[in-house]
């Protein structure tokens, strides 16, 4: 496993770059947390995309962990915010579009809205497009239970980067209603389902 920590207000900082989750790295990550203070505006897009870049380019980590950098792996960005996306990328459609594209590249997005001043519609749309989960957090003591649930789900992933290709019968055309990324080529529709935890049922709706 590997982990990175990115913080953002109107600027973005990386207190803990992506690195293998050794005992020493986990201790350094814990020590970095008390130095994080409330800031000004919320450049959610830059903070989130910076975190995604950290976990997308982990070839050095592969060498440490003794695996092929190109081998399939679960990659998930967890975005925590208590504010609106009011600096940098502020268009909800653009942010959701990035989540859609990242999901196609194998990077999922889970979002957490803390307090009462965040944009629930935006965070839930990003999580849906990103193949992750959205959670409202009213109090800090709820975070531990959420992280336990999220990480346990990631540990049960049985299919990474799953996709489904459907060929339409002659005389029939169909469109996917769900928010899963999809690509049509002729009579074939390929749907990017992403990472699938054990025991989960996916319902695909077509028109």
Protein backbone atom coordinates (compact mmCIF):
# COMPACT_ATOMS: atom_id res chain seq x y z
CA UNK A 1 0.00 0.00 0.00
CA UNK A 2 0.97 3.63 -0.45
CA UNK A 3 -0.53 6.93 0.67
CA UNK A 4 -0.22 10.67 0.14
CA UNK A 5 -1.59 13.69 1.99
CA UNK A 6 -2.52 16.89 0.12
CA UNK A 7 -3.99 20.01 1.76
CA UNK A 8 -5.71 22.91 0.05
CA UNK A 9 -7.32 26.28 0.70
CA UNK A 10 -6.65 28.94 -1.95
CA UNK A 11 -3.28 27.24 -2.44
CA UNK A 12 -2.21 23.57 -2.49
CA UNK A 13 0.45 21.90 -0.36
CA UNK A 14 1.74 18.31 -0.14
CA UNK A 15 2.74 17.65 3.49
CA UNK A 16 3.25 13.95 2.70
CA UNK A 17 4.08 12.91 -0.90
CA UNK A 18 2.98 9.45 -2.07
CA UNK A 19 5.22 6.77 -0.63
CA UNK A 20 5.05 3.17 0.49
CA UNK A 21 3.08 2.84 3.75
CA UNK A 22 5.96 1.63 5.90
CA UNK A 23 5.76 2.09 9.70
CA UNK A 24 8.11 5.08 9.33
CA UNK A 25 5.95 6.66 6.63
CA UNK A 26 2.77 6.16 8.66
CA UNK A 27 4.44 7.85 11.64
CA UNK A 28 5.52 10.76 9.42
CA UNK A 29 1.95 11.05 8.12
CA UNK A 30 0.54 11.23 11.65
CA UNK A 31 3.12 13.88 12.59
CA UNK A 32 2.11 15.98 9.55
CA UNK A 33 -1.55 16.21 10.60
CA UNK A 34 -1.21 18.59 13.60
CA UNK A 35 0.44 21.17 11.33
CA UNK A 36 -2.69 21.55 9.20
CA UNK A 37 -4.74 24.66 10.02
CA UNK A 38 -7.87 26.24 8.59
CA UNK A 39 -7.16 28.48 5.62
CA UNK A 40 -8.95 30.86 3.31
CA UNK A 41 -10.86 30.00 0.13
CA UNK A 42 -11.33 26.50 -1.31
CA UNK A 43 -9.46 25.44 -4.44
CA UNK A 44 -11.04 22.00 -4.29
CA UNK A 45 -10.22 21.12 -7.89
CA UNK A 46 -6.49 21.76 -7.62
CA UNK A 47 -6.20 19.99 -4.27
CA UNK A 48 -8.08 16.94 -5.49
CA UNK A 49 -6.28 16.71 -8.86
CA UNK A 50 -2.91 17.10 -7.13
CA UNK A 51 -3.78 14.14 -4.91
CA UNK A 52 -4.82 12.12 -7.95
CA UNK A 53 -1.48 12.86 -9.62
CA UNK A 54 0.32 11.67 -6.50
CA UNK A 55 -1.34 8.26 -6.64
CA UNK A 56 -1.30 7.94 -10.43
CA UNK A 57 2.49 8.07 -10.80
CA UNK A 58 3.86 5.55 -8.33
CA UNK A 59 6.51 3.75 -10.40
CA UNK A 60 9.12 4.33 -7.64
CA UNK A 61 6.71 2.74 -5.15
CA UNK A 62 6.41 -0.30 -7.36
CA UNK A 63 10.13 -0.89 -7.05
CA UNK A 64 9.92 -0.61 -3.27
CA UNK A 65 6.98 -3.01 -3.12
CA UNK A 66 8.48 -5.45 -5.60
CA UNK A 67 5.73 -5.27 -8.22
CA UNK A 68 5.26 -4.15 -11.80
CA UNK A 69 4.25 -0.47 -12.01
CA UNK A 70 1.78 -1.38 -14.77
CA UNK A 71 0.02 -4.07 -12.73
CA UNK A 72 -3.62 -3.37 -11.83
CA UNK A 73 -4.12 -1.78 -8.43
CA UNK A 74 -6.83 -0.02 -6.50
CA UNK A 75 -6.37 3.76 -6.49
CA UNK A 76 -8.78 5.99 -4.59
CA UNK A 77 -8.69 9.71 -3.78
CA UNK A 78 -10.56 10.67 -0.60
CA UNK A 79 -11.59 14.34 -0.74
CA UNK A 80 -12.52 16.09 2.53
CA UNK A 81 -13.86 19.63 2.45
CA UNK A 82 -15.97 21.95 4.58
CA UNK A 83 -16.35 24.65 1.91
CA UNK A 84 -17.45 25.54 -1.60
CA UNK A 85 -15.26 25.18 -4.70
CA UNK A 86 -14.78 28.94 -5.07
CA UNK A 87 -11.19 29.18 -6.38
CA UNK A 88 -9.65 27.53 -9.45
CA UNK A 89 -12.12 25.20 -11.16
CA UNK A 90 -15.55 26.25 -9.91
CA UNK A 91 -17.79 24.79 -12.64
CA UNK A 92 -19.50 21.65 -11.22
CA UNK A 93 -19.79 20.09 -14.70
CA UNK A 94 -16.05 20.48 -15.26
CA UNK A 95 -15.18 18.93 -11.89
CA UNK A 96 -17.59 16.06 -12.50
CA UNK A 97 -16.08 15.60 -15.95
CA UNK A 98 -12.61 15.24 -14.42
CA UNK A 99 -13.97 12.60 -12.01
CA UNK A 100 -15.45 10.76 -14.99
CA UNK A 101 -12.13 10.81 -16.86
CA UNK A 102 -10.10 9.77 -13.81
CA UNK A 103 -12.41 6.82 -13.26
CA UNK A 104 -11.71 5.67 -16.81
CA UNK A 105 -7.99 5.82 -15.95
CA UNK A 106 -8.49 3.68 -12.85
CA UNK A 107 -8.57 6.40 -10.15
CA UNK A 108 -11.73 6.49 -8.07
CA UNK A 109 -12.99 9.46 -6.06
CA UNK A 110 -14.76 9.40 -2.70
CA UNK A 111 -15.96 12.70 -1.21
CA UNK A 112 -16.71 13.80 2.34
CA UNK A 113 -18.60 16.99 3.16
CA UNK A 114 -17.92 18.26 6.67
CA UNK A 115 -20.15 20.73 8.52
CA UNK A 116 -22.89 22.77 6.87
CA UNK A 117 -21.18 24.96 4.25
CA UNK A 118 -20.13 22.48 1.55
CA UNK A 119 -21.82 21.85 -1.81
CA UNK A 120 -23.61 18.52 -1.39
CA UNK A 121 -24.80 18.38 -5.01
CA UNK A 122 -21.23 18.82 -6.28
CA UNK A 123 -19.62 16.30 -3.93
CA UNK A 124 -22.25 13.65 -4.52
CA UNK A 125 -21.97 14.12 -8.31
CA UNK A 126 -18.17 13.84 -8.15
CA UNK A 127 -18.42 10.62 -6.14
CA UNK A 128 -20.99 9.13 -8.51
CA UNK A 129 -18.94 10.02 -11.60
CA UNK A 130 -15.77 8.88 -9.84
CA UNK A 131 -17.09 5.49 -8.78
CA UNK A 132 -16.65 6.22 -5.08
CA UNK A 133 -18.85 7.11 -2.13
CA UNK A 134 -20.23 10.36 -0.76
CA UNK A 135 -20.66 10.91 2.96
CA UNK A 136 -21.91 13.79 5.07
CA UNK A 137 -19.86 14.23 8.24
CA UNK A 138 -21.52 16.33 10.94
CA UNK A 139 -18.87 15.80 13.65
CA UNK A 140 -15.17 14.93 13.54
CA UNK A 141 -15.72 11.80 15.65
CA UNK A 142 -17.65 10.28 12.71
CA UNK A 143 -14.55 10.24 10.51
CA UNK A 144 -13.00 7.11 12.05
CA UNK A 145 -16.05 4.96 11.29
CA UNK A 146 -16.18 6.28 7.71
CA UNK A 147 -12.50 5.56 7.06
CA UNK A 148 -12.86 2.06 8.49
CA UNK A 149 -15.82 1.41 6.19
CA UNK A 150 -14.10 2.89 3.13
CA UNK A 151 -10.81 1.05 3.63
CA UNK A 152 -12.58 -2.23 4.37
CA UNK A 153 -14.46 -1.85 1.08
CA UNK A 154 -11.19 -1.29 -0.78
CA UNK A 155 -9.78 -4.45 0.80
CA UNK A 156 -12.63 -6.51 -0.68
CA UNK A 157 -12.09 -5.38 -4.29
CA UNK A 158 -12.20 -8.51 -6.47
CA UNK A 159 -12.13 -6.89 -9.93
CA UNK A 160 -9.98 -3.88 -10.81
CA UNK A 161 -10.77 -1.71 -13.84
CA UNK A 162 -13.76 -3.83 -14.84
CA UNK A 163 -15.47 -2.98 -18.14
CA UNK A 164 -18.45 -4.48 -19.96
CA UNK A 165 -19.00 -4.47 -23.72
CA UNK A 166 -22.52 -5.03 -25.09
CA UNK A 167 -23.31 -5.55 -28.76
CA UNK A 168 -26.78 -4.43 -29.80
CA UNK A 169 -28.88 -6.90 -31.82
CA UNK A 170 -29.85 -5.92 -35.35
CA UNK A 171 -32.53 -3.23 -35.40
CA UNK A 172 -32.04 -2.21 -31.78
CA UNK A 173 -30.30 0.86 -30.38
CA UNK A 174 -29.89 1.51 -26.67
CA UNK A 175 -28.36 4.15 -24.43
CA UNK A 176 -27.02 3.83 -20.89
CA UNK A 177 -28.98 5.86 -18.34
CA UNK A 178 -26.54 5.36 -15.43
CA UNK A 179 -23.63 7.75 -14.86
CA UNK A 180 -20.98 5.11 -15.66
CA UNK A 181 -18.44 6.26 -18.27
CA UNK A 182 -19.19 4.64 -21.62
CA UNK A 183 -17.91 4.64 -25.19
CA UNK A 184 -19.85 3.64 -28.30
CA UNK A 185 -18.27 2.21 -31.43
CA UNK A 186 -20.72 1.07 -34.04
CA UNK A 187 -23.09 -1.46 -32.48
CA UNK A 188 -20.86 -1.93 -29.42
CA UNK A 189 -21.17 -0.01 -26.18
CA UNK A 190 -18.31 -0.37 -23.70
CA UNK A 191 -19.08 0.64 -20.10
CA UNK A 192 -16.35 1.38 -17.56
CA UNK A 193 -17.52 -0.13 -14.28
CA UNK A 194 -14.27 0.44 -12.37
CA UNK A 195 -13.40 -1.48 -9.22
CA UNK A 196 -15.94 -3.99 -7.94
CA UNK A 197 -16.05 -5.04 -4.27
CA UNK A 198 -17.06 -8.60 -3.40
CA UNK A 199 -20.78 -9.09 -2.98
CA UNK A 200 -21.78 -5.79 -4.60
CA UNK A 201 -24.59 -5.75 -7.16
CA UNK A 202 -24.50 -3.26 -10.03
CA UNK A 203 -27.76 -2.35 -11.76
CA UNK A 204 -27.34 -0.99 -15.29
CA UNK A 205 -30.33 0.86 -16.72
CA UNK A 206 -30.76 1.25 -20.48
CA UNK A 207 -33.16 3.19 -22.66
